Structure formats: C-alpha cells, structure tokens
Amino acid sequence: MKESDQTKDNPLVWDFDQPWDSILKPAARLCLNTLDFSDLWDEEDSTEDEGANLISESSTCLRAPPAPPPLPPPLAPVLPSASLKGTSIKCRTLKLHWRELQSLGPLPRMTRFGTHTIWAGLEPVYLDTIRLEYLFESKGSSQPSVSVLGMKRSNIITIALSSLPPPRLLPPAIYSMDGSVLDREDIQALTPTEEELSLIKDAKAQNPHSHLAQAELCLLTLGEISHLSSRLQLWAFALDYDSLEREIAEPLFHLKLAMEQLAASQTFRCILATVLAIGNFLNGCKARGFELSYLGKLSQVRDTHSRQPLLHHVCVLLLQLYPQSSDLYSDISAVTKAGKCDYSQVQSSLSQLEALCKASWEQLKVLDKADEKRKGGKILKEFEERLKVLRAVHRRVINRFHSFLLFLGYSRALVKDTKAEDFCRTISNFSLEYRTTQQAILLQRERERQKSGAESPGPGTPIGRRKRQQTPAQVCKFDEICEYLSIQQEGEKSEEQRQLEELLRTPESARRLDASLPRNRRRMADNQGALCDKQKLDNLLHVLH
C-alpha cells in the first residue's frame, strides 16, 4: 500500500518530518466539550500590530462580516448651563488625580467591538458648574484632624481598617452579622469603650469645624449603633463557637480512641502477661494483676549481674516468646495524643461554653428589631442543640474511661483518683521506652550477626568449599586435627617460654660452662620431633581424603 493511501485510510497517522506549522490547520468549529467558542474570528489569531497591516486581507477573508455597530444616538440639545465658553472659575476646586488617555483615534482594524473606542460614542453631559464649584471648592488652609486616641490604639484600628470597607459600610454588616465583612479579630479591635466614645464626642463638640482622624471616625460611627456591645458579644460567640467546641471534642475523641487501641493491642497483653509472670516468680507469690503505673518503673529495676534493666529482659523474653509482637508505641498513637491533653481543662471549658450560651440568650433579648431577634434566636437554637450533644459526649467518654480502669483491675477508689491524662501519659512514656529498648536489642543482634558472618569462612573460599564437600565423619576428623594442632602449638610455645626464662635466670659465666643448656643437638632433636609431627599430620590428612 502506498503512503498516500495509508494517510487517506488513517488520517491520524502523521508524518513526523513535517513541520508543526503545516500540521496545525484551522479548526472547523471551535468547541471544547460544552464550551462554545465558535464566535471567535479567524482574524483574531493575529495581534493588533499584525492586524494593522492585514486590514484589506481580513476583509476579503470574512465570510459574513458582522453588522457594524449602531450609530450613536443624536446629540442632546444644548441646555442652558452656567459654564459657557468664556466663563472663568472664580475659585480653585479640588483636582481629580487620574491618568488622562492621550491617543483616542480609530482602531487599527475591524474588531468585534467596532472600529472606534468606547469614548467616541459617549454622549456629552452638561453640568451645573456653579454648584460643583461650590461643593468642591478648595480651601486655602485646612485645619488638622482631631485625634484623641493613643498612638498604639490608633495604629491598631488603622491596621484593621486597611483590609476593611469604609467605616460607613460597617454598621450594616454588624446588623446582619455578615462574617464575610468582619471576622473575630476585627470585631475585637474595633469595639469602642465608653471612655473612648466620650473623649471623641467631647473633642468633636469643641472643634465642630474640624474633621476627625480615621480611627476616631470609625469608633464614632460604630458607637452610634444601638446596643453595640450586646451585638458584638453575641456575634463574637457565634464566630467562636466552632473553635470552642473543637477544643472540647478533640481531646474526648483522642481518649475514646486510646481506650480502643489499648484494648485491641495484643502486644500490650503480652507485655502484661510477661511482667506479671516475672513479678510472681521474683516475689514468690501468685498475684492476679498489678497497677499499670508500675510499668514506668521497669527501667529502674536492674539485675545483680549484668546490671541490665528489667525492661531489657522483658523485651528479650517477648522477642523470644512472641516474635510477631510490635513495638507497642506505633499501635497506640491516640494514647500519646490523649496524654498531652488536660481533661480538667476540658471540663472547665465545657462549663464556660454553657455560661457563654446562656449569656448570649440574655444579650439577644436586648435587641429591639424583630428580624435580628429571629436570626440570632435561630443561631443560638442550633448552638444549644450542639451543646446538648457535647455534654452527652463528655459524660459518656468519662464514664467509659472509668469502666476501662475497672476493666484493667483498678478498684473503685483508685478509679476516682486516677486522672485520664496521667494514665495516658504513663502508658505513652512506657511504650516509648519499650520501643527504644527493643530497637537497641535488635540492632545489637544485627551487629553480632554481621560480625560472625565476617569472621566465618565464606562458601566461596577453598576452606568453605572443602568443608561443604566433606561428610559428617570427615568433619569430625577435621575438627580433631585442628584441636591437635592447637594443643601442639600451645605445648611448643610453653616449652620455648620455659627455656627462655631459664636462660635469662642463668648467669653468663655459668652459661658458658654449663653443658646442660640446650645446644645444637637439642635443635636437631626438636627438628626430628617436628618431622614426626608432620608425618602424623600427613597421615591424618590422608585418612580424610
């Protein structure tokens, strides 16, 4: 089949030697899934600079050019105005610091929006210039703004206002409790006190023609809202409720999950059984259980020989008896989280939340508008229902913890005195010590294994291959030979050492005359003995082969 036929049958087969620009062809219809872009023109593929040179070409390529934009409506009749051509401004006015557009000629080509700018089709507007001149008259000397707040307080308000709408738009947001305009920090920063409002009003009365500074103007604007303090406190409670509820619910959830993880941990049960067995043997008794606070003291008890802590021996026993056991610390992550919580503070936070909810109902009664009471009552009703759930969760989790302590063998008197955070912290610290000790034991075993592997001959060495080919009987004979050679070497070494010591103790004069000292004859005898030993060794090796 020819290449042209292949391309005809399979249009998706591209010639990769072909340039990219020739592969890209104009799309028949500009649609991407459900997005329709078919109203885009072909001429919009070029930029404005390119379009200035292609006006004639683009006009011929348009299949159906759109209708030109409608003509601007007729100009309005000239109205009598106070600003005629020869009128001059008597006084100076405020200036608008805008950026003036310099070139407003025709567009370089026909566009979807026409051939002229938007400014070319605007209608002229005739103004009462006398009134504008009066309204925006520029005063020669401006009086300084009135500021009565301290520098720190003024800076706090100014920083808060930098990310907020103008002060005149804040009262509607407070009336409607619009959280998209103000958040909790803004409410706290912008709440005026009675003393601040009094100072601002007195300063305004003393300087009626002077304008207030930005911070003072904001506080005065907010101070005009009726029952501002009650509104802001109610709104602050509505914004803070979620975080206050989370501070109570999360510790309770950690405690509930901690009890489930401890009850389901098989490693924890194996540890308790091992410690109980060791304790019963050492104490000579048959105790059925022990208080779990003693787990934290296992690292303090040491044996009298190697001075290893009792926790070390517990880990060794568990690795031997229960090799599939875990490090315990990884199984009870919720216990660690619960040990960092303060459940007495959780109880006080719950009481504080109930008091805030009750105070919010009292603040809602102060509001005078019916729609505000209806909206605030709806919010507080929802919070009250969630608070009922939170109280039930707290009561049931604490009761379950007491039942869990009874499950662990604690007495009822001991249950009342045991705090949840203390119990969880004890178990968490013990599990961390257990994991550290277990890792140290495993690391020591790995080092010993590597050391023994490096000292023993490998299977690829000649000795290793020879030992691998030997029968059990040959291995026993080989071991006997090695033992015999080691005994011979030790005997020779001890004999030579004895003779050397005797030689050093003998005076030099006696050494020359004493015929009993070893001579060459002795050496010859030793050589003969060595030959005999060599013959015995050859015989043994012959037996092995």
Protein backbone atom coordinates (compact mmCIF):
# COMPACT_ATOMS: atom_id res chain seq x y z
CA MET A 1 0.00 0.00 0.00
CA LYS A 2 1.27 3.46 -0.84
CA GLU A 3 1.98 6.07 1.75
CA SER A 4 -0.74 8.33 0.38
CA ASP A 5 -3.27 5.51 0.65
CA GLN A 6 -2.24 4.88 4.28
CA THR A 7 -2.73 8.52 5.09
CA LYS A 8 -6.09 8.50 3.41
CA ASP A 9 -7.29 5.43 5.28
CA ASN A 10 -5.84 6.51 8.60
CA PRO A 11 -5.93 10.29 8.90
CA LEU A 12 -4.39 10.15 12.43
CA VAL A 13 -1.06 8.91 11.07
CA TRP A 14 1.24 11.94 10.94
CA ASP A 15 4.45 12.46 9.08
CA PHE A 16 6.83 13.47 11.89
CA ASP A 17 9.24 15.01 9.39
CA GLN A 18 6.54 17.51 8.53
CA PRO A 19 6.87 20.90 10.31
CA TRP A 20 4.47 21.70 13.15
CA ASP A 21 3.03 24.78 11.48
CA SER A 22 1.89 22.73 8.49
CA ILE A 23 0.25 20.12 10.77
CA LEU A 24 -1.88 22.75 12.56
CA LYS A 25 -4.85 23.59 10.39
CA PRO A 26 -7.78 25.87 11.12
CA ALA A 27 -10.43 24.09 13.17
CA ALA A 28 -13.83 23.69 11.59
CA ARG A 29 -15.68 24.58 14.80
CA LEU A 30 -14.22 25.99 17.98
CA CYS A 31 -15.92 23.88 20.65
CA LEU A 32 -14.37 22.35 23.75
CA ASN A 33 -16.80 19.87 25.30
CA THR A 34 -19.76 22.07 26.27
CA LEU A 35 -17.88 25.36 25.83
CA ASP A 36 -18.71 27.08 22.55
CA PHE A 37 -16.05 29.44 21.16
CA SER A 38 -17.39 29.49 17.59
CA ASP A 39 -17.95 33.27 17.69
CA LEU A 40 -14.19 33.88 17.69
CA TRP A 41 -12.96 35.21 14.33
CA ASP A 42 -10.11 33.88 12.26
CA GLU A 43 -8.62 37.37 12.20
CA GLU A 44 -8.22 37.25 15.99
CA ASP A 45 -5.34 34.80 15.54
CA SER A 46 -3.10 37.79 14.85
CA THR A 47 -2.14 40.53 17.28
CA GLU A 48 -3.11 44.15 16.99
CA ASP A 49 0.22 45.09 15.38
CA GLU A 50 -0.14 42.39 12.76
CA GLY A 51 -3.75 43.33 12.14
CA ALA A 52 -2.83 46.89 11.19
CA ASN A 53 -1.09 45.55 8.04
CA LEU A 54 -3.75 42.97 7.22
CA ILE A 55 -6.92 45.08 7.13
CA SER A 56 -7.53 44.56 3.44
CA GLU A 57 -6.73 40.84 3.62
CA SER A 58 -9.01 40.31 6.60
CA SER A 59 -11.91 42.00 4.89
CA THR A 60 -11.72 39.52 2.00
CA CYS A 61 -11.42 36.51 4.28
CA LEU A 62 -14.56 37.24 6.25
CA ARG A 63 -17.36 35.02 5.12
CA ALA A 64 -20.14 37.03 6.70
CA PRO A 65 -18.82 40.12 8.42
CA PRO A 66 -20.98 41.20 11.31
CA ALA A 67 -23.04 44.29 11.07
CA PRO A 68 -21.21 47.46 12.07
CA PRO A 69 -22.02 48.81 15.49
CA PRO A 70 -25.08 51.03 15.65
CA LEU A 71 -24.54 54.71 15.21
CA PRO A 72 -24.51 56.74 18.38
CA PRO A 73 -27.81 58.41 19.18
CA PRO A 74 -28.20 62.02 18.17
CA LEU A 75 -26.65 64.52 20.48
CA ALA A 76 -28.91 66.03 23.07
CA PRO A 77 -29.85 69.64 22.54
CA VAL A 78 -27.67 72.16 24.21
CA LEU A 79 -29.12 73.03 27.57
CA PRO A 80 -28.59 76.34 29.22
CA SER A 81 -25.63 75.96 31.53
CA ALA A 82 -23.76 78.17 33.83
CA SER A 83 -20.43 77.01 32.32
CA LEU A 84 -20.12 78.73 28.97
CA LYS A 85 -17.05 79.04 26.86
CA GLY A 86 -15.89 82.34 28.19
CA THR A 87 -16.72 81.73 31.83
CA SER A 88 -13.76 81.55 34.19
CA ILE A 89 -13.60 79.73 37.54
CA LYS A 90 -13.61 82.23 40.33
CA CYS A 91 -12.01 79.95 42.96
CA ARG A 92 -9.87 76.86 43.00
CA THR A 93 -11.54 73.43 43.13
CA LEU A 94 -10.37 70.00 44.17
CA LYS A 95 -8.47 68.10 41.46
CA LEU A 96 -9.06 64.54 40.34
CA HIS A 97 -5.71 62.80 40.07
CA TRP A 98 -6.50 60.49 37.17
CA ARG A 99 -4.38 59.38 34.22
CA GLU A 100 -5.55 61.03 31.05
CA LEU A 101 -5.73 58.97 27.83
CA GLN A 102 -3.72 60.74 25.14
CA SER A 103 -4.45 58.94 21.83
CA LEU A 104 -8.06 58.06 21.11
CA GLY A 105 -8.01 57.63 17.33
CA PRO A 106 -9.74 54.90 15.29
CA LEU A 107 -8.81 51.31 15.96
CA PRO A 108 -6.19 49.78 13.62
CA ARG A 109 -8.65 47.21 12.28
CA MET A 110 -12.21 46.00 12.47
CA THR A 111 -12.87 44.25 15.78
CA ARG A 112 -15.78 42.53 17.39
CA PHE A 113 -16.48 45.77 19.25
CA GLY A 114 -16.33 48.07 16.26
CA THR A 115 -13.75 50.41 14.75
CA HIS A 116 -13.78 53.17 17.39
CA THR A 117 -13.13 53.32 21.12
CA ILE A 118 -15.90 53.44 23.69
CA TRP A 119 -15.12 57.11 24.39
CA ALA A 120 -16.07 58.10 20.83
CA GLY A 121 -19.71 57.09 21.34
CA LEU A 122 -20.35 58.73 24.72
CA GLU A 123 -22.97 61.46 24.96
CA PRO A 124 -21.89 64.83 26.27
CA VAL A 125 -23.15 65.67 29.75
CA TYR A 126 -23.92 69.23 30.77
CA LEU A 127 -23.38 70.12 34.42
CA ASP A 128 -24.27 72.86 36.81
CA THR A 129 -20.72 74.09 37.21
CA ILE A 130 -21.66 76.73 39.77
CA ARG A 131 -22.91 74.10 42.19
CA LEU A 132 -19.90 71.87 41.52
CA GLU A 133 -17.61 74.80 42.12
CA TYR A 134 -19.31 75.45 45.44
CA LEU A 135 -19.30 71.80 46.51
CA PHE A 136 -15.69 71.07 45.61
CA GLU A 137 -14.16 74.40 46.49
CA SER A 138 -10.56 74.01 47.60
CA LYS A 139 -9.92 75.63 50.95
CA GLY A 140 -6.75 77.59 51.23
CA SER A 141 -5.79 76.36 54.70
CA SER A 142 -7.03 73.01 56.07
CA GLN A 143 -7.36 72.52 59.80
CA PRO A 144 -5.60 69.48 61.35
CA SER A 145 -7.66 66.39 62.10
CA VAL A 146 -8.82 65.75 65.65
CA SER A 147 -7.14 62.76 67.33
CA VAL A 148 -7.74 61.82 70.96
CA LEU A 149 -6.70 58.17 71.00
CA GLY A 150 -3.29 56.93 71.98
CA MET A 151 -0.72 56.10 69.34
CA LYS A 152 -0.89 52.34 69.94
CA ARG A 153 -4.69 52.18 69.92
CA SER A 154 -4.87 54.37 66.81
CA ASN A 155 -2.37 52.16 64.97
CA ILE A 156 -4.35 49.01 65.82
CA ILE A 157 -7.55 50.50 64.42
CA THR A 158 -5.81 51.87 61.34
CA ILE A 159 -4.24 48.49 60.55
CA ALA A 160 -7.61 46.76 60.95
CA LEU A 161 -9.31 49.32 58.67
CA SER A 162 -6.72 48.79 55.94
CA SER A 163 -8.39 45.47 54.99
CA LEU A 164 -11.99 46.55 55.63
CA PRO A 165 -14.57 48.58 53.73
CA PRO A 166 -15.09 52.25 54.63
CA PRO A 167 -16.46 52.84 58.15
CA ARG A 168 -19.87 53.87 56.82
CA LEU A 169 -20.37 50.31 55.45
CA LEU A 170 -19.57 48.58 58.76
CA PRO A 171 -22.90 49.17 60.63
CA PRO A 172 -24.98 47.21 58.05
CA ALA A 173 -22.53 44.31 58.34
CA ILE A 174 -22.86 44.34 62.13
CA TYR A 175 -26.66 44.43 61.98
CA SER A 176 -26.71 41.39 59.66
CA MET A 177 -23.74 39.60 61.33
CA ASP A 178 -22.01 39.28 57.97
CA GLY A 179 -18.87 37.25 58.58
CA SER A 180 -17.54 37.98 55.08
CA VAL A 181 -17.01 41.65 56.05
CA LEU A 182 -15.77 41.35 59.65
CA ASP A 183 -14.04 38.48 61.42
CA ARG A 184 -13.30 37.81 65.09
CA GLU A 185 -10.06 39.83 65.21
CA ASP A 186 -11.69 42.83 63.52
CA ILE A 187 -14.56 42.86 66.00
CA GLN A 188 -12.16 42.74 68.93
CA ALA A 189 -10.02 45.58 67.52
CA LEU A 190 -12.90 47.89 66.54
CA THR A 191 -15.06 47.60 69.66
CA PRO A 192 -15.06 51.06 71.30
CA THR A 193 -15.20 51.56 75.04
CA GLU A 194 -17.43 54.09 76.81
CA GLU A 195 -14.39 56.17 77.73
CA GLU A 196 -13.19 56.35 74.13
CA LEU A 197 -16.62 57.39 72.86
CA SER A 198 -16.86 60.09 75.49
CA LEU A 199 -13.45 61.54 74.54
CA ILE A 200 -14.30 61.56 70.84
CA LYS A 201 -17.66 63.27 71.37
CA ASP A 202 -16.13 65.94 73.61
CA ALA A 203 -13.38 66.65 71.07
CA LYS A 204 -15.93 66.88 68.26
CA ALA A 205 -18.04 69.33 70.28
CA GLN A 206 -15.02 71.55 70.97
CA ASN A 207 -13.92 71.53 67.30
CA PRO A 208 -17.13 71.38 65.25
CA HIS A 209 -15.45 72.53 62.01
CA SER A 210 -12.56 70.05 62.19
CA HIS A 211 -12.79 66.56 60.86
CA LEU A 212 -11.92 63.52 62.92
CA ALA A 213 -8.99 61.24 62.26
CA GLN A 214 -9.62 57.87 60.63
CA ALA A 215 -9.53 55.84 63.85
CA GLU A 216 -11.74 58.28 65.78
CA LEU A 217 -14.23 58.50 62.92
CA CYS A 218 -14.54 54.70 62.80
CA LEU A 219 -15.17 54.37 66.54
CA LEU A 220 -17.69 57.20 66.50
CA THR A 221 -19.54 55.57 63.57
CA LEU A 222 -19.70 52.24 65.37
CA GLY A 223 -20.67 53.93 68.65
CA GLU A 224 -23.88 55.21 67.05
CA ILE A 225 -25.16 51.62 66.67
CA SER A 226 -27.76 50.80 69.32
CA HIS A 227 -26.74 48.12 71.84
CA LEU A 228 -23.35 47.76 70.14
CA SER A 229 -21.74 45.83 72.99
CA SER A 230 -24.51 43.21 73.10
CA ARG A 231 -24.46 42.81 69.34
CA LEU A 232 -20.70 42.35 69.19
CA GLN A 233 -20.65 39.90 72.10
CA LEU A 234 -23.41 37.85 70.50
CA TRP A 235 -21.60 37.91 67.17
CA ALA A 236 -18.27 37.01 68.78
CA PHE A 237 -19.89 33.98 70.45
CA ALA A 238 -21.32 32.89 67.10
CA LEU A 239 -17.88 33.14 65.49
CA ASP A 240 -16.05 31.42 68.37
CA TYR A 241 -18.43 28.54 68.97
CA ASP A 242 -16.88 26.18 66.41
CA SER A 243 -13.36 26.57 67.80
CA LEU A 244 -14.59 26.29 71.41
CA GLU A 245 -16.48 23.12 70.57
CA ARG A 246 -13.43 21.67 68.79
CA GLU A 247 -11.23 22.30 71.85
CA ILE A 248 -13.57 20.10 73.89
CA ALA A 249 -14.48 17.43 71.34
CA GLU A 250 -10.97 16.56 70.06
CA PRO A 251 -9.47 15.55 73.46
CA LEU A 252 -12.55 13.44 74.17
CA PHE A 253 -12.18 11.70 70.82
CA HIS A 254 -8.48 11.01 71.49
CA LEU A 255 -9.36 9.44 74.85
CA LYS A 256 -12.07 7.26 73.33
CA LEU A 257 -9.72 6.07 70.58
CA ALA A 258 -6.91 5.47 73.11
CA MET A 259 -9.06 3.06 75.09
CA GLU A 260 -9.98 1.18 71.92
CA GLN A 261 -6.35 0.88 70.81
CA LEU A 262 -5.15 -0.37 74.21
CA ALA A 263 -7.93 -2.93 74.47
CA ALA A 264 -7.18 -4.24 70.95
CA SER A 265 -3.36 -4.36 71.28
CA GLN A 266 -2.08 -7.95 71.57
CA THR A 267 1.44 -6.70 72.30
CA PHE A 268 0.13 -4.81 75.34
CA ARG A 269 -1.48 -8.01 76.65
CA CYS A 270 1.75 -9.99 76.08
CA ILE A 271 3.75 -7.38 77.99
CA LEU A 272 1.34 -7.50 80.92
CA ALA A 273 1.48 -11.30 80.99
CA THR A 274 5.29 -11.36 80.87
CA VAL A 275 5.73 -8.72 83.58
CA LEU A 276 3.15 -10.49 85.77
CA ALA A 277 4.97 -13.83 85.41
CA ILE A 278 8.36 -12.29 86.24
CA GLY A 279 6.94 -10.44 89.23
CA ASN A 280 5.22 -13.52 90.62
CA PHE A 281 8.47 -15.52 90.36
CA LEU A 282 10.62 -12.84 91.96
CA ASN A 283 8.09 -12.11 94.73
CA GLY A 284 7.25 -15.75 95.30
CA CYS A 285 3.53 -15.14 95.05
CA LYS A 286 0.60 -15.70 92.68
CA ALA A 287 -0.73 -12.20 92.07
CA ARG A 288 -3.52 -11.90 89.50
CA GLY A 289 -2.55 -8.41 88.35
CA PHE A 290 -0.76 -5.18 89.20
CA GLU A 291 -1.37 -1.46 88.90
CA LEU A 292 -0.20 -0.22 85.49
CA SER A 293 1.66 2.74 86.93
CA TYR A 294 4.46 0.25 87.79
CA LEU A 295 5.23 -0.08 84.05
CA GLY A 296 7.09 3.19 84.28
CA LYS A 297 9.46 1.69 86.90
CA LEU A 298 10.60 -1.34 84.87
CA SER A 299 13.60 0.59 83.56
CA GLN A 300 14.71 1.42 87.12
CA VAL A 301 14.98 -2.20 88.37
CA ARG A 302 18.30 -3.85 87.34
CA ASP A 303 19.65 -7.36 87.71
CA THR A 304 22.63 -8.01 90.01
CA HIS A 305 25.00 -9.50 87.37
CA SER A 306 24.89 -7.63 84.05
CA ARG A 307 23.13 -4.56 85.52
CA GLN A 308 20.60 -4.65 82.72
CA PRO A 309 17.19 -3.10 83.49
CA LEU A 310 14.19 -5.35 83.93
CA LEU A 311 12.63 -3.77 80.82
CA HIS A 312 15.55 -5.16 78.77
CA HIS A 313 14.80 -8.71 79.95
CA VAL A 314 11.08 -8.22 79.27
CA CYS A 315 11.89 -7.21 75.68
CA VAL A 316 14.20 -10.21 75.24
CA LEU A 317 11.50 -12.57 76.50
CA LEU A 318 8.85 -11.07 74.24
CA LEU A 319 11.12 -11.34 71.19
CA GLN A 320 11.71 -14.97 72.11
CA LEU A 321 8.16 -15.96 73.08
CA TYR A 322 6.17 -13.62 70.79
CA PRO A 323 8.34 -12.86 67.73
CA GLN A 324 5.37 -11.33 65.89
CA SER A 325 4.78 -8.66 68.56
CA SER A 326 5.10 -5.00 67.64
CA ASP A 327 6.93 -2.11 69.29
CA LEU A 328 3.65 -1.07 71.05
CA TYR A 329 4.32 2.65 70.54
CA SER A 330 3.12 2.51 66.92
CA ASP A 331 -0.11 0.78 67.93
CA ILE A 332 -1.31 3.36 70.47
CA SER A 333 -0.80 6.76 68.83
CA ALA A 334 -4.07 8.04 70.31
CA VAL A 335 -2.74 7.33 73.82
CA THR A 336 0.15 9.72 73.16
CA LYS A 337 -2.26 12.42 71.97
CA ALA A 338 -4.56 11.91 74.95
CA GLY A 339 -1.59 12.15 77.32
CA LYS A 340 -0.94 15.70 76.10
CA CYS A 341 -4.47 16.90 76.90
CA ASP A 342 -5.75 18.37 80.14
CA TYR A 343 -9.15 16.85 80.85
CA SER A 344 -9.77 19.03 83.86
CA GLN A 345 -9.44 22.00 81.50
CA VAL A 346 -11.87 20.25 79.14
CA GLN A 347 -14.42 20.16 81.95
CA SER A 348 -13.94 23.87 82.72
CA SER A 349 -14.14 24.76 79.00
CA LEU A 350 -17.45 22.95 78.76
CA SER A 351 -18.80 24.89 81.75
CA GLN A 352 -17.54 28.14 80.25
CA LEU A 353 -19.23 27.36 76.93
CA GLU A 354 -22.53 26.73 78.70
CA ALA A 355 -22.20 30.09 80.51
CA LEU A 356 -21.50 31.90 77.23
CA CYS A 357 -24.51 30.32 75.60
CA LYS A 358 -26.73 31.40 78.49
CA ALA A 359 -25.33 34.96 78.37
CA SER A 360 -25.98 35.12 74.64
CA TRP A 361 -29.65 34.44 75.21
CA GLU A 362 -29.75 37.38 77.62
CA GLN A 363 -28.00 39.62 75.07
CA LEU A 364 -30.46 38.58 72.38
CA LYS A 365 -33.36 39.88 74.48
CA VAL A 366 -31.85 43.39 74.44
CA LEU A 367 -32.06 43.75 70.66
CA ASP A 368 -35.01 45.82 69.55
CA LYS A 369 -35.53 44.63 65.97
CA ALA A 370 -37.71 41.56 65.38
CA ASP A 371 -35.70 40.27 62.39
CA GLU A 372 -32.47 40.47 64.38
CA LYS A 373 -34.02 38.54 67.26
CA ARG A 374 -35.31 35.91 64.84
CA LYS A 375 -31.92 35.46 63.17
CA GLY A 376 -29.99 35.45 66.45
CA GLY A 377 -32.51 33.08 68.04
CA LYS A 378 -32.08 30.64 65.15
CA ILE A 379 -28.30 30.65 65.58
CA LEU A 380 -28.46 30.19 69.36
CA LYS A 381 -31.04 27.43 68.97
CA GLU A 382 -28.62 25.50 66.78
CA PHE A 383 -25.79 26.06 69.26
CA GLU A 384 -27.95 24.86 72.13
CA GLU A 385 -28.65 21.58 70.32
CA ARG A 386 -24.97 21.07 69.59
CA LEU A 387 -24.17 21.85 73.22
CA LYS A 388 -26.55 19.11 74.37
CA VAL A 389 -24.68 16.64 72.16
CA LEU A 390 -21.35 17.85 73.51
CA ARG A 391 -22.47 17.41 77.13
CA ALA A 392 -23.64 13.86 76.39
CA VAL A 393 -20.35 13.01 74.64
CA HIS A 394 -18.28 14.31 77.55
CA ARG A 395 -20.33 12.44 80.13
CA ARG A 396 -20.21 9.14 78.25
CA VAL A 397 -16.49 9.27 77.39
CA ILE A 398 -15.51 9.95 81.02
CA ASN A 399 -17.79 7.14 82.21
CA ARG A 400 -16.26 4.81 79.64
CA PHE A 401 -12.79 5.71 80.90
CA HIS A 402 -13.84 4.76 84.44
CA SER A 403 -15.19 1.47 83.11
CA PHE A 404 -11.90 0.91 81.28
CA LEU A 405 -9.95 1.35 84.50
CA LEU A 406 -12.21 -1.21 86.14
CA PHE A 407 -11.51 -3.50 83.18
CA LEU A 408 -7.78 -3.10 83.93
CA GLY A 409 -8.37 -4.23 87.51
CA TYR A 410 -8.42 -0.86 89.28
CA SER A 411 -10.54 -0.52 92.40
CA ARG A 412 -13.37 2.00 92.54
CA ALA A 413 -11.45 4.16 95.00
CA LEU A 414 -8.44 4.14 92.68
CA VAL A 415 -10.60 4.95 89.67
CA LYS A 416 -11.78 8.20 91.27
CA ASP A 417 -8.19 9.28 92.00
CA THR A 418 -6.80 8.42 88.53
CA LYS A 419 -6.74 11.26 86.01
CA ALA A 420 -7.10 10.40 82.36
CA GLU A 421 -4.11 12.49 81.25
CA ASP A 422 -1.83 10.94 83.92
CA PHE A 423 -2.83 7.41 82.97
CA CYS A 424 -2.34 8.01 79.24
CA ARG A 425 0.97 9.77 79.82
CA THR A 426 2.27 6.82 81.86
CA ILE A 427 1.33 4.30 79.17
CA SER A 428 2.73 6.52 76.41
CA ASN A 429 6.09 7.00 78.15
CA PHE A 430 6.37 3.27 78.84
CA SER A 431 5.60 2.39 75.21
CA LEU A 432 8.28 4.81 74.05
CA GLU A 433 10.85 3.24 76.42
CA TYR A 434 9.81 -0.23 75.28
CA ARG A 435 10.28 0.67 71.61
CA THR A 436 13.70 2.21 72.29
CA THR A 437 14.87 -0.87 74.22
CA GLN A 438 13.55 -3.25 71.59
CA GLN A 439 15.31 -1.34 68.80
CA ALA A 440 18.59 -1.41 70.76
CA ILE A 441 18.34 -5.21 71.22
CA LEU A 442 17.58 -5.81 67.55
CA LEU A 443 20.44 -3.54 66.50
CA GLN A 444 22.88 -5.38 68.78
CA ARG A 445 21.78 -8.73 67.35
CA GLU A 446 22.24 -7.46 63.83
CA ARG A 447 25.77 -6.28 64.60
CA GLU A 448 26.68 -9.64 66.15
CA ARG A 449 25.25 -11.43 63.12
CA GLN A 450 27.30 -9.31 60.75
CA LYS A 451 30.44 -9.77 62.87
CA SER A 452 30.05 -13.57 62.98
CA GLY A 453 29.42 -13.63 59.25
CA ALA A 454 32.61 -11.69 58.58
CA GLU A 455 34.77 -14.00 60.79
CA SER A 456 33.44 -17.33 59.45
CA PRO A 457 34.91 -18.51 56.07
CA GLY A 458 32.62 -17.86 53.19
CA PRO A 459 31.22 -20.62 50.98
CA GLY A 460 33.33 -19.39 48.03
CA THR A 461 36.70 -19.78 49.79
CA PRO A 462 38.74 -23.05 49.42
CA ILE A 463 38.20 -23.96 53.08
CA GLY A 464 34.49 -23.27 52.76
CA ARG A 465 34.20 -25.42 49.62
CA ARG A 466 36.19 -28.23 51.26
CA LYS A 467 34.00 -28.17 54.37
CA ARG A 468 30.90 -28.20 52.21
CA GLN A 469 32.12 -31.32 50.33
CA GLN A 470 33.07 -33.26 53.48
CA THR A 471 30.91 -35.93 55.09
CA PRO A 472 29.95 -35.67 58.79
CA ALA A 473 32.68 -38.20 59.69
CA GLN A 474 35.28 -36.18 57.83
CA VAL A 475 34.12 -33.02 59.54
CA CYS A 476 34.65 -34.66 62.94
CA LYS A 477 38.16 -35.81 61.96
CA PHE A 478 38.96 -32.35 60.64
CA ASP A 479 37.92 -30.86 63.95
CA GLU A 480 40.15 -33.36 65.79
CA ILE A 481 43.11 -32.32 63.63
CA CYS A 482 42.52 -28.66 64.34
CA GLU A 483 42.31 -29.38 68.07
CA TYR A 484 45.51 -31.48 67.95
CA LEU A 485 47.43 -28.75 66.12
CA SER A 486 46.29 -26.11 68.58
CA ILE A 487 47.45 -28.30 71.52
CA GLN A 488 50.81 -28.87 69.87
CA GLN A 489 51.29 -25.14 69.23
CA GLU A 490 50.44 -24.33 72.83
CA GLY A 491 52.85 -27.04 74.08
CA GLU A 492 55.67 -25.78 71.91
CA LYS A 493 55.02 -22.23 72.96
CA SER A 494 55.03 -23.13 76.66
CA GLU A 495 58.26 -25.21 76.30
CA GLU A 496 60.05 -22.40 74.48
CA GLN A 497 58.87 -19.89 77.07
CA ARG A 498 60.17 -22.13 79.91
CA GLN A 499 63.59 -22.49 78.30
CA LEU A 500 63.82 -18.75 77.66
CA GLU A 501 63.03 -17.94 81.28
CA GLU A 502 65.64 -20.46 82.44
CA LEU A 503 68.19 -18.91 80.14
CA LEU A 504 67.55 -15.44 81.43
CA ARG A 505 67.87 -16.53 85.05
CA THR A 506 71.23 -18.30 84.44
CA PRO A 507 74.37 -16.07 84.78
CA GLU A 508 76.53 -15.58 81.68
CA SER A 509 79.63 -17.31 83.16
CA ALA A 510 77.64 -20.38 84.13
CA ARG A 511 76.04 -20.39 80.74
CA ARG A 512 79.41 -20.92 79.01
CA LEU A 513 80.42 -23.87 81.19
CA ASP A 514 77.04 -25.49 81.75
CA ALA A 515 76.66 -28.37 79.35
CA SER A 516 73.06 -28.97 80.31
CA LEU A 517 71.87 -25.87 78.42
CA PRO A 518 70.24 -26.52 75.03
CA ARG A 519 72.70 -26.84 72.15
CA ASN A 520 72.51 -27.72 68.51
CA ARG A 521 71.83 -31.27 69.49
CA ARG A 522 68.61 -30.15 71.14
CA ARG A 523 67.71 -28.30 67.99
CA MET A 524 68.29 -31.42 65.95
CA ALA A 525 66.07 -33.36 68.35
CA ASP A 526 63.38 -30.71 68.02
CA ASN A 527 63.62 -30.90 64.25
CA GLN A 528 63.23 -34.66 64.40
CA GLY A 529 60.15 -34.25 66.63
CA ALA A 530 58.70 -31.74 64.18
CA LEU A 531 59.23 -34.23 61.34
CA CYS A 532 57.37 -36.85 63.32
CA ASP A 533 54.51 -34.45 63.89
CA LYS A 534 54.45 -33.65 60.19
CA GLN A 535 54.24 -37.32 59.33
CA LYS A 536 51.33 -37.75 61.75
CA LEU A 537 49.58 -34.77 60.18
CA ASP A 538 50.09 -36.17 56.68
CA ASN A 539 48.64 -39.49 57.81
CA LEU A 540 45.57 -37.77 59.21
CA LEU A 541 45.09 -35.76 56.02
CA HIS A 542 45.43 -38.95 54.01
CA VAL A 543 42.71 -40.52 56.10
CA LEU A 544 40.46 -37.53 55.44
CA HIS A 545 40.97 -37.75 51.68
